[in-house]
């Protein structure tokens, strides 16, 4: 359901930017490069919180996945803004 409303959910008034992490896997893992940055957003959704993870490679951003609060680990965020 969150995917359907994604454009609205990612608006600044709806999504809180939590920070980013440089990719630690690097060039040795398929789909990862030394230029990869992971961005994390918290959204209020379905009476709780969900987390949108965006993968940035060479300045281009892609939505990677959405997780609920039970499955998201905030400790993996290295450069926190909260």
PDB file of N, CA and C in Angstrom:
ATOM      1  N   UNK A   1       0.809  -1.183   0.000  1.00  0.00           N
ATOM      2  CA  UNK A   1       0.000   0.000   0.000  1.00  0.00           C
ATOM      3  C   UNK A   1       0.864   1.264   0.000  1.00  0.00           C
ATOM      4  N   UNK A   2       1.997   1.205   0.697  1.00  0.00           N
ATOM      5  CA  UNK A   2       2.885   2.365   0.756  1.00  0.00           C
ATOM      6  C   UNK A   2       3.421   2.720  -0.622  1.00  0.00           C
ATOM      7  N   UNK A   3       3.643   1.737  -1.471  1.00  0.00           N
ATOM      8  CA  UNK A   3       4.167   2.001  -2.810  1.00  0.00           C
ATOM      9  C   UNK A   3       3.177   2.853  -3.605  1.00  0.00           C
ATOM     10  N   UNK A   4       1.902   2.572  -3.449  1.00  0.00           N
ATOM     11  CA  UNK A   4       0.867   3.328  -4.157  1.00  0.00           C
ATOM     12  C   UNK A   4       0.928   4.811  -3.778  1.00  0.00           C
ATOM     13  N   UNK A   5       1.178   5.106  -2.513  1.00  0.00           N
ATOM     14  CA  UNK A   5       1.214   6.481  -2.007  1.00  0.00           C
ATOM     15  C   UNK A   5       2.636   7.044  -1.898  1.00  0.00           C
ATOM     16  N   UNK A   6       3.594   6.397  -2.485  1.00  0.00           N
ATOM     17  CA  UNK A   6       4.998   6.753  -2.296  1.00  0.00           C
ATOM     18  C   UNK A   6       5.324   8.198  -2.624  1.00  0.00           C
ATOM     19  N   UNK A   7       4.811   8.716  -3.705  1.00  0.00           N
ATOM     20  CA  UNK A   7       5.114  10.098  -4.087  1.00  0.00           C
ATOM     21  C   UNK A   7       4.672  11.068  -2.992  1.00  0.00           C
ATOM     22  N   UNK A   8       3.505  10.834  -2.428  1.00  0.00           N
ATOM     23  CA  UNK A   8       2.999  11.679  -1.346  1.00  0.00           C
ATOM     24  C   UNK A   8       3.786  11.449  -0.067  1.00  0.00           C
ATOM     25  N   UNK A   9       4.086  10.201   0.234  1.00  0.00           N
ATOM     26  CA  UNK A   9       4.794   9.876   1.472  1.00  0.00           C
ATOM     27  C   UNK A   9       6.192  10.478   1.535  1.00  0.00           C
ATOM     28  N   UNK A  10       6.832  10.652   0.391  1.00  0.00           N
ATOM     29  CA  UNK A  10       8.197  11.185   0.361  1.00  0.00           C
ATOM     30  C   UNK A  10       8.256  12.709   0.350  1.00  0.00           C
ATOM     31  N   UNK A  11       7.122  13.381   0.390  1.00  0.00           N
ATOM     32  CA  UNK A  11       7.127  14.838   0.470  1.00  0.00           C
ATOM     33  C   UNK A  11       7.737  15.252   1.814  1.00  0.00           C
ATOM     34  N   UNK A  12       8.475  16.361   1.864  1.00  0.00           N
ATOM     35  CA  UNK A  12       9.150  16.788   3.109  1.00  0.00           C
ATOM     36  C   UNK A  12       8.233  16.880   4.332  1.00  0.00           C
ATOM     37  N   UNK A  13       6.988  17.232   4.140  1.00  0.00           N
ATOM     38  CA  UNK A  13       6.086  17.338   5.284  1.00  0.00           C
ATOM     39  C   UNK A  13       5.645  15.965   5.803  1.00  0.00           C
ATOM     40  N   UNK A  14       5.882  14.900   5.041  1.00  0.00           N
ATOM     41  CA  UNK A  14       5.460  13.558   5.437  1.00  0.00           C
ATOM     42  C   UNK A  14       6.607  12.623   5.804  1.00  0.00           C
ATOM     43  N   UNK A  15       7.802  12.907   5.328  1.00  0.00           N
ATOM     44  CA  UNK A  15       8.942  12.009   5.548  1.00  0.00           C
ATOM     45  C   UNK A  15      10.038  12.728   6.335  1.00  0.00           C
ATOM     46  N   UNK A  16      10.540  12.059   7.340  1.00  0.00           N
ATOM     47  CA  UNK A  16      11.641  12.604   8.140  1.00  0.00           C
ATOM     48  C   UNK A  16      12.933  11.928   7.682  1.00  0.00           C
ATOM     49  N   UNK A  17      13.886  12.736   7.236  1.00  0.00           N
ATOM     50  CA  UNK A  17      15.180  12.188   6.808  1.00  0.00           C
ATOM     51  C   UNK A  17      15.983  11.808   8.044  1.00  0.00           C
ATOM     52  N   UNK A  18      16.421  10.554   8.104  1.00  0.00           N
ATOM     53  CA  UNK A  18      17.154  10.062   9.268  1.00  0.00           C
ATOM     54  C   UNK A  18      18.664  10.099   9.091  1.00  0.00           C
ATOM     55  N   UNK A  19      19.123  10.096   7.852  1.00  0.00           N
ATOM     56  CA  UNK A  19      20.562  10.113   7.603  1.00  0.00           C
ATOM     57  C   UNK A  19      20.949   9.188   6.467  1.00  0.00           C
ATOM     58  N   UNK A  20      22.249   8.916   6.379  1.00  0.00           N
ATOM     59  CA  UNK A  20      22.747   8.069   5.292  1.00  0.00           C
ATOM     60  C   UNK A  20      23.924   7.228   5.751  1.00  0.00           C
ATOM     61  N   UNK A  21      24.266   6.275   4.924  1.00  0.00           N
ATOM     62  CA  UNK A  21      25.396   5.387   5.186  1.00  0.00           C
ATOM     63  C   UNK A  21      26.094   5.094   3.868  1.00  0.00           C
ATOM     64  N   UNK A  22      27.406   5.199   3.856  1.00  0.00           N
ATOM     65  CA  UNK A  22      28.159   4.785   2.676  1.00  0.00           C
ATOM     66  C   UNK A  22      28.124   3.268   2.584  1.00  0.00           C
ATOM     67  N   UNK A  23      28.068   2.748   1.371  1.00  0.00           N
ATOM     68  CA  UNK A  23      28.007   1.301   1.178  1.00  0.00           C
ATOM     69  C   UNK A  23      29.323   0.658   1.615  1.00  0.00           C
ATOM     70  N   UNK A  24      29.231  -0.339   2.473  1.00  0.00           N
ATOM     71  CA  UNK A  24      30.448  -0.981   2.982  1.00  0.00           C
ATOM     72  C   UNK A  24      30.853  -2.206   2.167  1.00  0.00           C
ATOM     73  N   UNK A  25      29.969  -2.665   1.282  1.00  0.00           N
ATOM     74  CA  UNK A  25      30.281  -3.869   0.505  1.00  0.00           C
ATOM     75  C   UNK A  25      31.239  -3.570  -0.639  1.00  0.00           C
ATOM     76  N   UNK A  26      31.122  -2.392  -1.220  1.00  0.00           N
ATOM     77  CA  UNK A  26      32.039  -1.981  -2.269  1.00  0.00           C
ATOM     78  C   UNK A  26      31.863  -2.733  -3.573  1.00  0.00           C
ATOM     79  N   UNK A  27      32.852  -2.638  -4.430  1.00  0.00           N
ATOM     80  CA  UNK A  27      32.782  -3.167  -5.779  1.00  0.00           C
ATOM     81  C   UNK A  27      32.770  -4.691  -5.863  1.00  0.00           C
ATOM     82  N   UNK A  28      33.106  -5.380  -4.785  1.00  0.00           N
ATOM     83  CA  UNK A  28      33.176  -6.833  -4.824  1.00  0.00           C
ATOM     84  C   UNK A  28      31.811  -7.514  -4.853  1.00  0.00           C
ATOM     85  N   UNK A  29      30.748  -6.798  -4.502  1.00  0.00           N
ATOM     86  CA  UNK A  29      29.407  -7.378  -4.453  1.00  0.00           C
ATOM     87  C   UNK A  29      28.571  -6.796  -5.584  1.00  0.00           C
ATOM     88  N   UNK A  30      27.920  -7.665  -6.365  1.00  0.00           N
ATOM     89  CA  UNK A  30      27.097  -7.235  -7.487  1.00  0.00           C
ATOM     90  C   UNK A  30      26.050  -6.209  -7.038  1.00  0.00           C
ATOM     91  N   UNK A  31      25.931  -5.107  -7.769  1.00  0.00           N
ATOM     92  CA  UNK A  31      24.954  -4.072  -7.443  1.00  0.00           C
ATOM     93  C   UNK A  31      25.453  -3.033  -6.458  1.00  0.00           C
ATOM     94  N   UNK A  32      26.671  -3.195  -5.989  1.00  0.00           N
ATOM     95  CA  UNK A  32      27.237  -2.246  -5.027  1.00  0.00           C
ATOM     96  C   UNK A  32      28.520  -1.653  -5.628  1.00  0.00           C
ATOM     97  N   UNK A  33      28.752  -0.400  -5.308  1.00  0.00           N
ATOM     98  CA  UNK A  33      29.984   0.254  -5.746  1.00  0.00           C
ATOM     99  C   UNK A  33      30.481   1.126  -4.604  1.00  0.00           C
ATOM    100  N   UNK A  34      31.685   1.606  -4.739  1.00  0.00           N
ATOM    101  CA  UNK A  34      32.227   2.483  -3.709  1.00  0.00           C
ATOM    102  C   UNK A  34      31.499   3.827  -3.700  1.00  0.00           C
ATOM    103  N   UNK A  35      30.726   4.127  -4.757  1.00  0.00           N
ATOM    104  CA  UNK A  35      29.978   5.382  -4.833  1.00  0.00           C
ATOM    105  C   UNK A  35      28.555   5.252  -4.285  1.00  0.00           C
ATOM    106  N   UNK A  36      28.168   4.084  -3.798  1.00  0.00           N
ATOM    107  CA  UNK A  36      26.802   3.862  -3.326  1.00  0.00           C
ATOM    108  C   UNK A  36      26.593   4.479  -1.942  1.00  0.00           C
ATOM    109  N   UNK A  37      25.492   5.232  -1.806  1.00  0.00           N
ATOM    110  CA  UNK A  37      25.093   5.824  -0.529  1.00  0.00           C
ATOM    111  C   UNK A  37      23.657   5.387  -0.262  1.00  0.00           C
ATOM    112  N   UNK A  38      23.382   4.960   0.957  1.00  0.00           N
ATOM    113  CA  UNK A  38      22.037   4.569   1.370  1.00  0.00           C
ATOM    114  C   UNK A  38      21.420   5.704   2.178  1.00  0.00           C
ATOM    115  N   UNK A  39      20.204   6.114   1.809  1.00  0.00           N
ATOM    116  CA  UNK A  39      19.477   7.177   2.500  1.00  0.00           C
ATOM    117  C   UNK A  39      18.259   6.567   3.182  1.00  0.00           C
ATOM    118  N   UNK A  40      17.950   7.057   4.389  1.00  0.00           N
ATOM    119  CA  UNK A  40      16.871   6.489   5.191  1.00  0.00           C
ATOM    120  C   UNK A  40      15.855   7.558   5.572  1.00  0.00           C
ATOM    121  N   UNK A  41      14.566   7.237   5.361  1.00  0.00           N
ATOM    122  CA  UNK A  41      13.465   8.139   5.690  1.00  0.00           C
ATOM    123  C   UNK A  41      12.461   7.418   6.582  1.00  0.00           C
ATOM    124  N   UNK A  42      11.918   8.146   7.531  1.00  0.00           N
ATOM    125  CA  UNK A  42      10.875   7.596   8.400  1.00  0.00           C
ATOM    126  C   UNK A  42       9.545   8.240   8.003  1.00  0.00           C
ATOM    127  N   UNK A  43       8.522   7.400   7.844  1.00  0.00           N
ATOM    128  CA  UNK A  43       7.194   7.899   7.507  1.00  0.00           C
ATOM    129  C   UNK A  43       6.175   7.328   8.475  1.00  0.00           C
ATOM    130  N   UNK A  44       5.152   8.095   8.759  1.00  0.00           N
ATOM    131  CA  UNK A  44       4.044   7.597   9.570  1.00  0.00           C
ATOM    132  C   UNK A  44       3.109   6.893   8.604  1.00  0.00           C
ATOM    133  N   UNK A  45       2.805   5.623   8.902  1.00  0.00           N
ATOM    134  CA  UNK A  45       2.000   4.843   7.961  1.00  0.00           C
ATOM    135  C   UNK A  45       1.275   3.727   8.704  1.00  0.00           C
ATOM    136  N   UNK A  46      -0.006   3.633   8.487  1.00  0.00           N
ATOM    137  CA  UNK A  46      -0.832   2.561   9.063  1.00  0.00           C
ATOM    138  C   UNK A  46      -0.693   2.469  10.587  1.00  0.00           C
ATOM    139  N   UNK A  47      -0.896   3.571  11.279  1.00  0.00           N
ATOM    140  CA  UNK A  47      -0.864   3.646  12.748  1.00  0.00           C
ATOM    141  C   UNK A  47       0.490   3.306  13.356  1.00  0.00           C
ATOM    142  N   UNK A  48       1.527   3.470  12.591  1.00  0.00           N
ATOM    143  CA  UNK A  48       2.876   3.216  13.087  1.00  0.00           C
ATOM    144  C   UNK A  48       3.872   3.927  12.188  1.00  0.00           C
ATOM    145  N   UNK A  49       5.097   3.454  12.208  1.00  0.00           N
ATOM    146  CA  UNK A  49       6.128   4.041  11.355  1.00  0.00           C
ATOM    147  C   UNK A  49       6.668   2.989  10.398  1.00  0.00           C
ATOM    148  N   UNK A  50       7.027   3.443   9.217  1.00  0.00           N
ATOM    149  CA  UNK A  50       7.711   2.616   8.237  1.00  0.00           C
ATOM    150  C   UNK A  50       8.936   3.381   7.780  1.00  0.00           C
ATOM    151  N   UNK A  51       9.850   2.676   7.134  1.00  0.00           N
ATOM    152  CA  UNK A  51      11.129   3.264   6.741  1.00  0.00           C
ATOM    153  C   UNK A  51      11.383   3.000   5.271  1.00  0.00           C
ATOM    154  N   UNK A  52      11.681   4.070   4.558  1.00  0.00           N
ATOM    155  CA  UNK A  52      11.980   3.974   3.128  1.00  0.00           C
ATOM    156  C   UNK A  52      13.488   4.070   2.978  1.00  0.00           C
ATOM    157  N   UNK A  53      14.051   3.112   2.255  1.00  0.00           N
ATOM    158  CA  UNK A  53      15.491   3.077   2.023  1.00  0.00           C
ATOM    159  C   UNK A  53      15.731   3.380   0.545  1.00  0.00           C
ATOM    160  N   UNK A  54      16.540   4.407   0.307  1.00  0.00           N
ATOM    161  CA  UNK A  54      16.849   4.831  -1.055  1.00  0.00           C
ATOM    162  C   UNK A  54      18.336   4.604  -1.310  1.00  0.00           C
ATOM    163  N   UNK A  55      18.618   3.993  -2.442  1.00  0.00           N
ATOM    164  CA  UNK A  55      20.001   3.708  -2.853  1.00  0.00           C
ATOM    165  C   UNK A  55      20.415   4.777  -3.865  1.00  0.00           C
ATOM    166  N   UNK A  56      21.534   5.445  -3.585  1.00  0.00           N
ATOM    167  CA  UNK A  56      22.065   6.459  -4.502  1.00  0.00           C
ATOM    168  C   UNK A  56      23.372   5.950  -5.088  1.00  0.00           C
ATOM    169  N   UNK A  57      23.425   5.922  -6.418  1.00  0.00           N
ATOM    170  CA  UNK A  57      24.644   5.495  -7.117  1.00  0.00           C
ATOM    171  C   UNK A  57      24.985   6.557  -8.150  1.00  0.00           C
ATOM    172  N   UNK A  58      26.173   7.112  -8.037  1.00  0.00           N
ATOM    173  CA  UNK A  58      26.638   8.157  -8.964  1.00  0.00           C
ATOM    174  C   UNK A  58      25.628   9.295  -9.095  1.00  0.00           C
ATOM    175  N   UNK A  59      25.020   9.702  -7.988  1.00  0.00           N
ATOM    176  CA  UNK A  59      24.088  10.813  -7.975  1.00  0.00           C
ATOM    177  C   UNK A  59      22.663  10.486  -8.382  1.00  0.00           C
ATOM    178  N   UNK A  60      22.403   9.271  -8.829  1.00  0.00           N
ATOM    179  CA  UNK A  60      21.057   8.861  -9.230  1.00  0.00           C
ATOM    180  C   UNK A  60      20.433   8.041  -8.107  1.00  0.00           C
ATOM    181  N   UNK A  61      19.182   8.371  -7.731  1.00  0.00           N
ATOM    182  CA  UNK A  61      18.540   7.721  -6.589  1.00  0.00           C
ATOM    183  C   UNK A  61      17.472   6.729  -7.043  1.00  0.00           C
ATOM    184  N   UNK A  62      17.420   5.593  -6.339  1.00  0.00           N
ATOM    185  CA  UNK A  62      16.467   4.527  -6.602  1.00  0.00           C
ATOM    186  C   UNK A  62      15.826   4.104  -5.278  1.00  0.00           C
ATOM    187  N   UNK A  63      14.531   3.845  -5.292  1.00  0.00           N
ATOM    188  CA  UNK A  63      13.892   3.311  -4.102  1.00  0.00           C
ATOM    189  C   UNK A  63      14.287   1.849  -3.994  1.00  0.00           C
ATOM    190  N   UNK A  64      14.863   1.482  -2.878  1.00  0.00           N
ATOM    191  CA  UNK A  64      15.351   0.121  -2.693  1.00  0.00           C
ATOM    192  C   UNK A  64      14.333  -0.753  -1.973  1.00  0.00           C
ATOM    193  N   UNK A  65      13.832  -0.293  -0.829  1.00  0.00           N
ATOM    194  CA  UNK A  65      12.793  -1.051  -0.139  1.00  0.00           C
ATOM    195  C   UNK A  65      12.123  -0.219   0.948  1.00  0.00           C
ATOM    196  N   UNK A  66      11.017  -0.756   1.449  1.00  0.00           N
ATOM    197  CA  UNK A  66      10.267  -0.154   2.544  1.00  0.00           C
ATOM    198  C   UNK A  66      10.139  -1.207   3.632  1.00  0.00           C
ATOM    199  N   UNK A  67      10.435  -0.819   4.871  1.00  0.00           N
ATOM    200  CA  UNK A  67      10.347  -1.753   5.991  1.00  0.00           C
ATOM    201  C   UNK A  67       9.466  -1.178   7.086  1.00  0.00           C
ATOM    202  N   UNK A  68       8.828  -2.065   7.851  1.00  0.00           N
ATOM    203  CA  UNK A  68       8.074  -1.603   9.012  1.00  0.00           C
ATOM    204  C   UNK A  68       9.041  -1.431  10.183  1.00  0.00           C
ATOM    205  N   UNK A  69       8.547  -0.818  11.254  1.00  0.00           N
ATOM    206  CA  UNK A  69       9.434  -0.517  12.386  1.00  0.00           C
ATOM    207  C   UNK A  69       9.945  -1.759  13.095  1.00  0.00           C
ATOM    208  N   UNK A  70       9.248  -2.865  12.961  1.00  0.00           N
ATOM    209  CA  UNK A  70       9.681  -4.098  13.597  1.00  0.00           C
ATOM    210  C   UNK A  70      10.928  -4.687  12.921  1.00  0.00           C
ATOM    211  N   UNK A  71      11.111  -4.390  11.643  1.00  0.00           N
ATOM    212  CA  UNK A  71      12.204  -4.996  10.887  1.00  0.00           C
ATOM    213  C   UNK A  71      13.324  -4.027  10.525  1.00  0.00           C
ATOM    214  N   UNK A  72      13.183  -2.773  10.904  1.00  0.00           N
ATOM    215  CA  UNK A  72      14.204  -1.778  10.551  1.00  0.00           C
ATOM    216  C   UNK A  72      15.125  -1.534  11.737  1.00  0.00           C
ATOM    217  N   UNK A  73      16.415  -1.508  11.483  1.00  0.00           N
ATOM    218  CA  UNK A  73      17.416  -1.314  12.520  1.00  0.00           C
ATOM    219  C   UNK A  73      18.083   0.054  12.342  1.00  0.00           C
ATOM    220  N   UNK A  74      17.705   1.023  13.177  1.00  0.00           N
ATOM    221  CA  UNK A  74      18.263   2.378  13.073  1.00  0.00           C
ATOM    222  C   UNK A  74      19.766   2.423  13.348  1.00  0.00           C
ATOM    223  N   UNK A  75      20.294   1.411  14.007  1.00  0.00           N
ATOM    224  CA  UNK A  75      21.724   1.422  14.338  1.00  0.00           C
ATOM    225  C   UNK A  75      22.617   1.295  13.100  1.00  0.00           C
ATOM    226  N   UNK A  76      22.069   0.872  11.968  1.00  0.00           N
ATOM    227  CA  UNK A  76      22.893   0.746  10.764  1.00  0.00           C
ATOM    228  C   UNK A  76      23.114   2.090  10.070  1.00  0.00           C
ATOM    229  N   UNK A  77      22.421   3.127  10.525  1.00  0.00           N
ATOM    230  CA  UNK A  77      22.590   4.463   9.936  1.00  0.00           C
ATOM    231  C   UNK A  77      23.859   5.083  10.540  1.00  0.00           C
ATOM    232  N   UNK A  78      24.839   5.382   9.716  1.00  0.00           N
ATOM    233  CA  UNK A  78      26.124   5.907  10.195  1.00  0.00           C
ATOM    234  C   UNK A  78      26.103   7.420  10.379  1.00  0.00           C
ATOM    235  N   UNK A  79      25.558   8.146   9.407  1.00  0.00           N
ATOM    236  CA  UNK A  79      25.526   9.613   9.443  1.00  0.00           C
ATOM    237  C   UNK A  79      24.123  10.045   9.801  1.00  0.00           C
ATOM    238  N   UNK A  80      23.809  10.062  11.088  1.00  0.00           N
ATOM    239  CA  UNK A  80      22.452  10.309  11.572  1.00  0.00           C
ATOM    240  C   UNK A  80      22.144  11.800  11.648  1.00  0.00           C
ATOM    241  N   UNK A  81      20.870  12.118  11.400  1.00  0.00           N
ATOM    242  CA  UNK A  81      20.398  13.486  11.531  1.00  0.00           C
ATOM    243  C   UNK A  81      19.402  13.613  12.676  1.00  0.00           C
ATOM    244  N   UNK A  82      19.139  12.530  13.385  1.00  0.00           N
ATOM    245  CA  UNK A  82      18.159  12.569  14.489  1.00  0.00           C
ATOM    246  C   UNK A  82      18.843  12.470  15.817  1.00  0.00           C
TER     247      UNK A  82
END
